[in-house]
Protein backbone atom coordinates (compact mmCIF):
# COMPACT_ATOMS: atom_id res chain seq x y z
CA MET A 1 -57.34 136.90 89.38
CA LEU A 2 -57.07 138.45 92.87
CA LYS A 3 -58.91 141.70 93.38
CA LEU A 4 -59.37 143.79 96.49
CA TYR A 5 -61.85 146.64 96.28
CA ASP A 6 -62.00 149.41 98.90
CA VAL A 7 -60.98 147.06 101.71
CA ASN A 8 -60.96 148.54 105.20
CA ILE A 9 -60.02 146.94 108.49
CA THR A 10 -59.53 148.65 111.84
CA PHE A 11 -58.05 147.08 114.97
CA ASN A 12 -59.11 148.01 118.52
CA LYS A 13 -62.07 150.09 117.41
CA ASN A 14 -63.27 152.87 119.68
CA THR A 15 -60.26 152.60 121.98
CA VAL A 16 -57.12 154.68 122.45
CA ASN A 17 -55.30 151.96 120.54
CA GLU A 18 -57.52 152.16 117.46
CA ARG A 19 -55.48 151.64 114.30
CA LYS A 20 -56.49 151.58 110.66
CA ALA A 21 -54.61 148.53 109.32
CA LEU A 22 -55.91 148.78 105.74
CA SER A 23 -57.55 151.93 104.44
CA ASP A 24 -59.61 151.98 101.21
CA PHE A 25 -57.19 149.37 99.91
CA ASN A 26 -57.36 148.43 96.22
CA LEU A 27 -55.23 145.83 94.45
CA ASN A 28 -55.58 143.89 91.20
CA ILE A 29 -53.27 140.92 90.58
CA GLU A 30 -53.36 139.05 87.28
CA LYS A 31 -53.10 135.27 86.91
CA GLY A 32 -49.46 134.18 87.04
CA ASP A 33 -48.20 137.38 88.66
CA PHE A 34 -45.46 136.94 91.27
CA VAL A 35 -45.83 140.05 93.43
CA THR A 36 -43.32 140.95 96.13
CA VAL A 37 -44.59 143.09 99.01
CA ILE A 38 -42.45 145.46 101.06
CA GLY A 39 -43.01 148.22 103.59
CA SER A 40 -42.00 149.22 107.09
CA ASN A 41 -43.27 147.50 110.22
CA GLY A 42 -46.97 148.23 110.66
CA ALA A 43 -47.46 149.13 106.99
CA GLY A 44 -50.17 146.47 106.60
CA LYS A 45 -48.26 143.66 104.89
CA SER A 46 -49.26 140.78 107.16
CA THR A 47 -52.73 142.23 107.56
CA LEU A 48 -53.09 142.05 103.78
CA MET A 49 -52.15 138.35 103.86
CA ASN A 50 -54.52 137.64 106.75
CA VAL A 51 -57.39 139.42 105.03
CA VAL A 52 -56.85 137.50 101.78
CA CYS A 53 -56.66 134.08 103.46
CA GLY A 54 -59.58 134.81 105.80
CA THR A 55 -57.83 135.01 109.16
CA TYR A 56 -59.24 138.52 109.54
CA GLY A 57 -62.63 139.65 108.35
CA VAL A 58 -62.89 143.05 106.70
CA ASP A 59 -64.97 145.95 107.97
CA SER A 60 -65.94 146.88 104.42
CA GLY A 61 -64.93 146.19 100.85
CA HIS A 62 -64.74 143.04 98.77
CA ILE A 63 -62.18 140.37 97.87
CA TYR A 64 -62.43 138.38 94.65
CA LEU A 65 -60.45 135.33 93.59
CA ASP A 66 -61.02 134.19 90.01
CA ASP A 67 -64.08 136.47 89.88
CA ARG A 68 -65.58 134.70 92.90
CA ASP A 69 -66.45 136.89 95.86
CA ILE A 70 -64.64 135.24 98.80
CA THR A 71 -65.08 138.14 101.22
CA ARG A 72 -67.29 136.14 103.60
CA LEU A 73 -65.74 132.71 103.11
CA LYS A 74 -64.25 131.17 106.25
CA GLU A 75 -60.51 130.62 106.49
CA TYR A 76 -60.79 126.82 106.24
CA GLN A 77 -62.84 127.20 103.05
CA ARG A 78 -60.22 129.44 101.45
CA ALA A 79 -57.44 127.05 102.52
CA LYS A 80 -58.68 124.61 99.86
CA ILE A 81 -57.62 127.03 97.11
CA ILE A 82 -54.99 129.23 98.81
CA GLY A 83 -51.58 128.00 99.94
CA ARG A 84 -49.63 129.84 102.64
CA LEU A 85 -46.18 129.75 104.20
CA PHE A 86 -45.25 131.54 107.40
CA GLN A 87 -42.01 132.95 108.77
CA ASP A 88 -41.87 130.20 111.40
CA PRO A 89 -40.73 126.87 109.86
CA LEU A 90 -42.62 125.07 112.64
CA LYS A 91 -45.94 126.17 111.17
CA GLY A 92 -47.66 124.35 108.35
CA THR A 93 -46.54 120.79 109.16
CA ALA A 94 -47.37 118.08 111.69
CA PRO A 95 -44.02 117.42 113.46
CA ASN A 96 -44.89 113.97 114.78
CA MET A 97 -45.99 112.71 111.38
CA THR A 98 -43.55 111.57 108.70
CA ILE A 99 -42.65 113.47 105.55
CA GLU A 100 -44.73 110.96 103.60
CA GLU A 101 -47.77 111.42 105.87
CA ASN A 102 -47.56 115.21 105.76
CA LEU A 103 -47.46 115.14 101.97
CA GLY A 104 -50.37 112.71 101.95
CA LEU A 105 -52.49 115.16 103.96
CA ALA A 106 -51.53 118.05 101.69
CA TYR A 107 -52.24 116.01 98.55
CA GLY A 108 -55.76 115.38 99.81
CA ARG A 109 -56.52 119.09 100.16
CA GLY A 110 -59.75 119.98 98.44
CA LYS A 111 -60.64 116.34 97.78
CA LYS A 112 -63.58 114.49 99.23
CA ARG A 113 -62.66 113.07 102.64
CA THR A 114 -63.24 109.48 103.65
CA LEU A 115 -62.93 107.72 107.01
CA ALA A 116 -59.77 105.98 105.85
CA PHE A 117 -56.43 107.71 105.39
CA GLY A 118 -54.11 105.96 103.01
CA ILE A 119 -51.22 106.72 100.71
CA SER A 120 -51.10 104.71 97.51
CA LYS A 121 -47.95 103.43 95.83
CA LYS A 122 -48.66 105.86 93.01
CA ASP A 123 -48.72 108.73 95.51
CA ILE A 124 -45.41 107.62 97.01
CA VAL A 125 -43.76 107.63 93.59
CA LEU A 126 -45.09 111.16 92.99
CA PHE A 127 -43.86 112.35 96.38
CA ARG A 128 -40.38 110.93 95.77
CA GLU A 129 -40.16 112.62 92.37
CA LYS A 130 -41.16 116.00 93.76
CA LEU A 131 -38.91 115.72 96.82
CA ALA A 132 -35.94 114.82 94.62
CA LYS A 133 -36.36 118.12 92.76
CA LEU A 134 -35.72 119.99 96.02
CA GLY A 135 -32.13 118.71 96.03
CA LEU A 136 -32.18 118.18 99.80
CA GLY A 137 -32.17 114.39 99.96
CA LEU A 138 -35.64 114.25 101.50
CA GLU A 139 -36.78 111.64 98.97
CA ASP A 140 -34.67 109.13 100.94
CA ARG A 141 -36.13 110.17 104.30
CA MET A 142 -39.85 109.85 103.66
CA LYS A 143 -40.39 107.83 106.85
CA THR A 144 -38.65 110.48 108.97
CA PRO A 145 -40.81 112.56 111.36
CA VAL A 146 -40.91 116.15 110.15
CA GLY A 147 -39.94 117.40 113.61
CA LEU A 148 -36.41 116.03 113.03
CA LEU A 149 -35.80 118.18 109.95
CA SER A 150 -33.79 121.40 109.91
CA GLY A 151 -35.58 124.73 109.50
CA GLY A 152 -34.64 124.97 105.83
CA GLN A 153 -35.69 121.40 105.06
CA ARG A 154 -38.96 121.94 106.85
CA GLN A 155 -39.69 125.19 105.03
CA ALA A 156 -38.93 123.57 101.67
CA LEU A 157 -41.27 120.71 102.57
CA THR A 158 -43.98 123.16 103.63
CA LEU A 159 -43.61 124.90 100.29
CA MET A 160 -44.09 121.58 98.51
CA MET A 161 -47.13 120.81 100.66
CA ALA A 162 -48.65 124.18 99.79
CA THR A 163 -48.16 123.62 96.06
CA ILE A 164 -48.43 119.83 95.53
CA VAL A 165 -52.04 120.56 94.58
CA THR A 166 -51.57 123.76 92.59
CA PRO A 167 -53.35 126.51 94.53
CA LYS A 168 -55.14 129.41 92.88
CA LEU A 169 -53.01 131.69 95.05
CA LEU A 170 -49.81 131.25 97.06
CA LEU A 171 -49.07 133.54 100.03
CA LEU A 172 -45.50 133.72 101.31
CA ASP A 173 -45.29 135.63 104.59
CA GLU A 174 -41.56 136.29 105.09
CA HIS A 175 -41.00 132.57 104.65
CA THR A 176 -37.18 132.82 104.62
CA ALA A 177 -36.77 135.39 107.42
CA ALA A 178 -36.00 132.80 110.13
CA LEU A 179 -33.34 131.00 108.04
CA ASP A 180 -29.63 131.66 107.75
CA PRO A 181 -28.59 133.49 104.53
CA LYS A 182 -27.34 130.38 102.70
CA THR A 183 -30.44 128.35 103.52
CA ALA A 184 -32.71 131.31 102.76
CA GLY A 185 -31.09 131.59 99.34
CA LYS A 186 -31.69 127.89 98.65
CA VAL A 187 -35.34 128.12 99.71
CA MET A 188 -35.82 131.19 97.51
CA GLU A 189 -34.36 129.31 94.52
CA ILE A 190 -36.78 126.44 95.15
CA THR A 191 -39.66 128.89 95.56
CA ASP A 192 -38.87 130.67 92.31
CA ARG A 193 -38.65 127.40 90.38
CA ILE A 194 -41.90 125.96 91.72
CA VAL A 195 -43.81 129.20 91.12
CA LYS A 196 -42.53 129.50 87.55
CA GLU A 197 -43.02 125.82 86.64
CA ASN A 198 -46.63 125.85 87.82
CA ASN A 199 -47.45 129.46 86.89
CA ILE A 200 -48.74 130.08 90.42
CA THR A 201 -50.12 133.50 91.25
CA THR A 202 -48.04 134.54 94.25
CA LEU A 203 -47.83 137.25 96.90
CA MET A 204 -44.57 137.33 98.86
CA ILE A 205 -43.81 139.58 101.81
CA THR A 206 -40.13 140.26 102.34
CA HIS A 207 -37.97 142.68 104.33
CA ASN A 208 -35.15 142.14 101.86
CA ILE A 209 -35.43 144.84 99.21
CA GLN A 210 -32.97 143.10 96.90
CA ASN A 211 -35.05 139.92 96.99
CA ALA A 212 -38.14 142.02 96.34
CA LEU A 213 -36.57 143.27 93.11
CA ASP A 214 -34.80 140.05 92.08
CA TYR A 215 -37.82 137.75 92.29
CA GLY A 216 -41.21 137.96 90.65
CA ASN A 217 -42.45 140.43 88.05
CA ARG A 218 -43.96 143.14 90.21
CA THR A 219 -43.22 144.88 93.52
CA ILE A 220 -45.74 146.77 95.63
CA VAL A 221 -44.89 149.03 98.54
CA LEU A 222 -47.29 149.51 101.45
CA SER A 223 -47.34 152.42 103.90
CA GLN A 224 -49.77 153.02 106.74
CA GLY A 225 -52.35 150.61 105.36
CA ARG A 226 -52.30 151.98 101.84
CA LEU A 227 -50.76 150.97 98.53
CA LEU A 228 -47.97 153.51 98.10
CA MET A 229 -46.20 152.20 94.98
CA ASP A 230 -46.77 149.55 92.32
CA ILE A 231 -43.56 148.91 90.40
CA LYS A 232 -43.49 146.74 87.29
CA GLY A 233 -42.24 146.54 83.72
CA ASP A 234 -39.25 148.65 82.73
CA ASP A 235 -39.54 150.74 85.90
CA ARG A 236 -38.88 147.62 87.94
CA LYS A 237 -36.11 146.33 85.67
CA ASN A 238 -34.24 149.60 86.15
CA MET A 239 -34.96 149.87 89.87
CA THR A 240 -32.21 149.53 92.49
CA THR A 241 -32.44 149.32 96.26
CA GLU A 242 -31.00 152.83 96.51
CA LYS A 243 -33.54 154.28 94.06
CA LEU A 244 -36.40 152.53 95.82
CA MET A 245 -35.31 153.82 99.23
CA LYS A 246 -35.20 157.37 97.89
CA LEU A 247 -38.63 157.01 96.29
CA TYR A 248 -40.05 155.61 99.49
CA SER A 249 -38.50 158.30 101.68
CA SER A 250 -39.96 161.03 99.49
CA SER A 251 -43.43 159.46 99.39
CA ALA A 252 -44.05 157.97 102.86
CA ASN A 253 -44.37 159.45 106.31
CA ASP A 254 -42.82 156.40 107.96
CA VAL A 255 -39.28 155.12 107.52
CA MET A 256 -38.08 151.76 106.19
CA THR A 257 -36.05 149.94 108.78
CA ASP A 258 -32.38 149.08 108.32
CA LYS A 259 -33.42 145.41 108.29
CA MET A 260 -34.87 145.96 104.83
CA LEU A 261 -31.44 146.74 103.42
CA LEU A 262 -30.05 143.30 104.25
């Protein structure tokens, strides 16, 4: 489904600040996999996301999505088939547009554009049904500008926008990190349900080791731009945060931050 072969990317080449962000990086993710990604700061987690969605070009290597080589595709071209959520709830939505209008734009992703922008009655019914499943009361606030929503409401809406047209791949870049624990838990529950219901292949970066083990079916650990561990199956079922920390400490040269234990 998603394959990265010998991907390399270096920042600040030929300077004193040169840094290898991804080094001979290989990863193979099957359709329907929900992969959680952990690692210390600077391990290459966000770089991996940016390389996959096209924000960064690679120095060498190839990226395949559904056996299609997307290595040289522009970011806007990949956005038609890849959904992404960021840590900042302010990203991914148009704050001055209503919930209904934001969903209308997202629903048109990948479709042929016309000069007219309109939302049909059928679309409105669909939007209401999907919003109601969030359990946040947003189905009764469809005319409300998104900028008036709380961070959690906005992140849940962004998640719906990213998946209302089922993407081939969903990228979650610490999408609950800016939320309070209770709200983060609610957004994670919504995320898990949407991913499972639609069988969406997903990559999720998190600093929360417990979340990394509780959600999805596979956990990968990055260190210094390389894939350090790939935990799945029975090994993952029997894994604990304490065991994972010990494994990491014995395998990596860097150190996981205390933040990852939260």
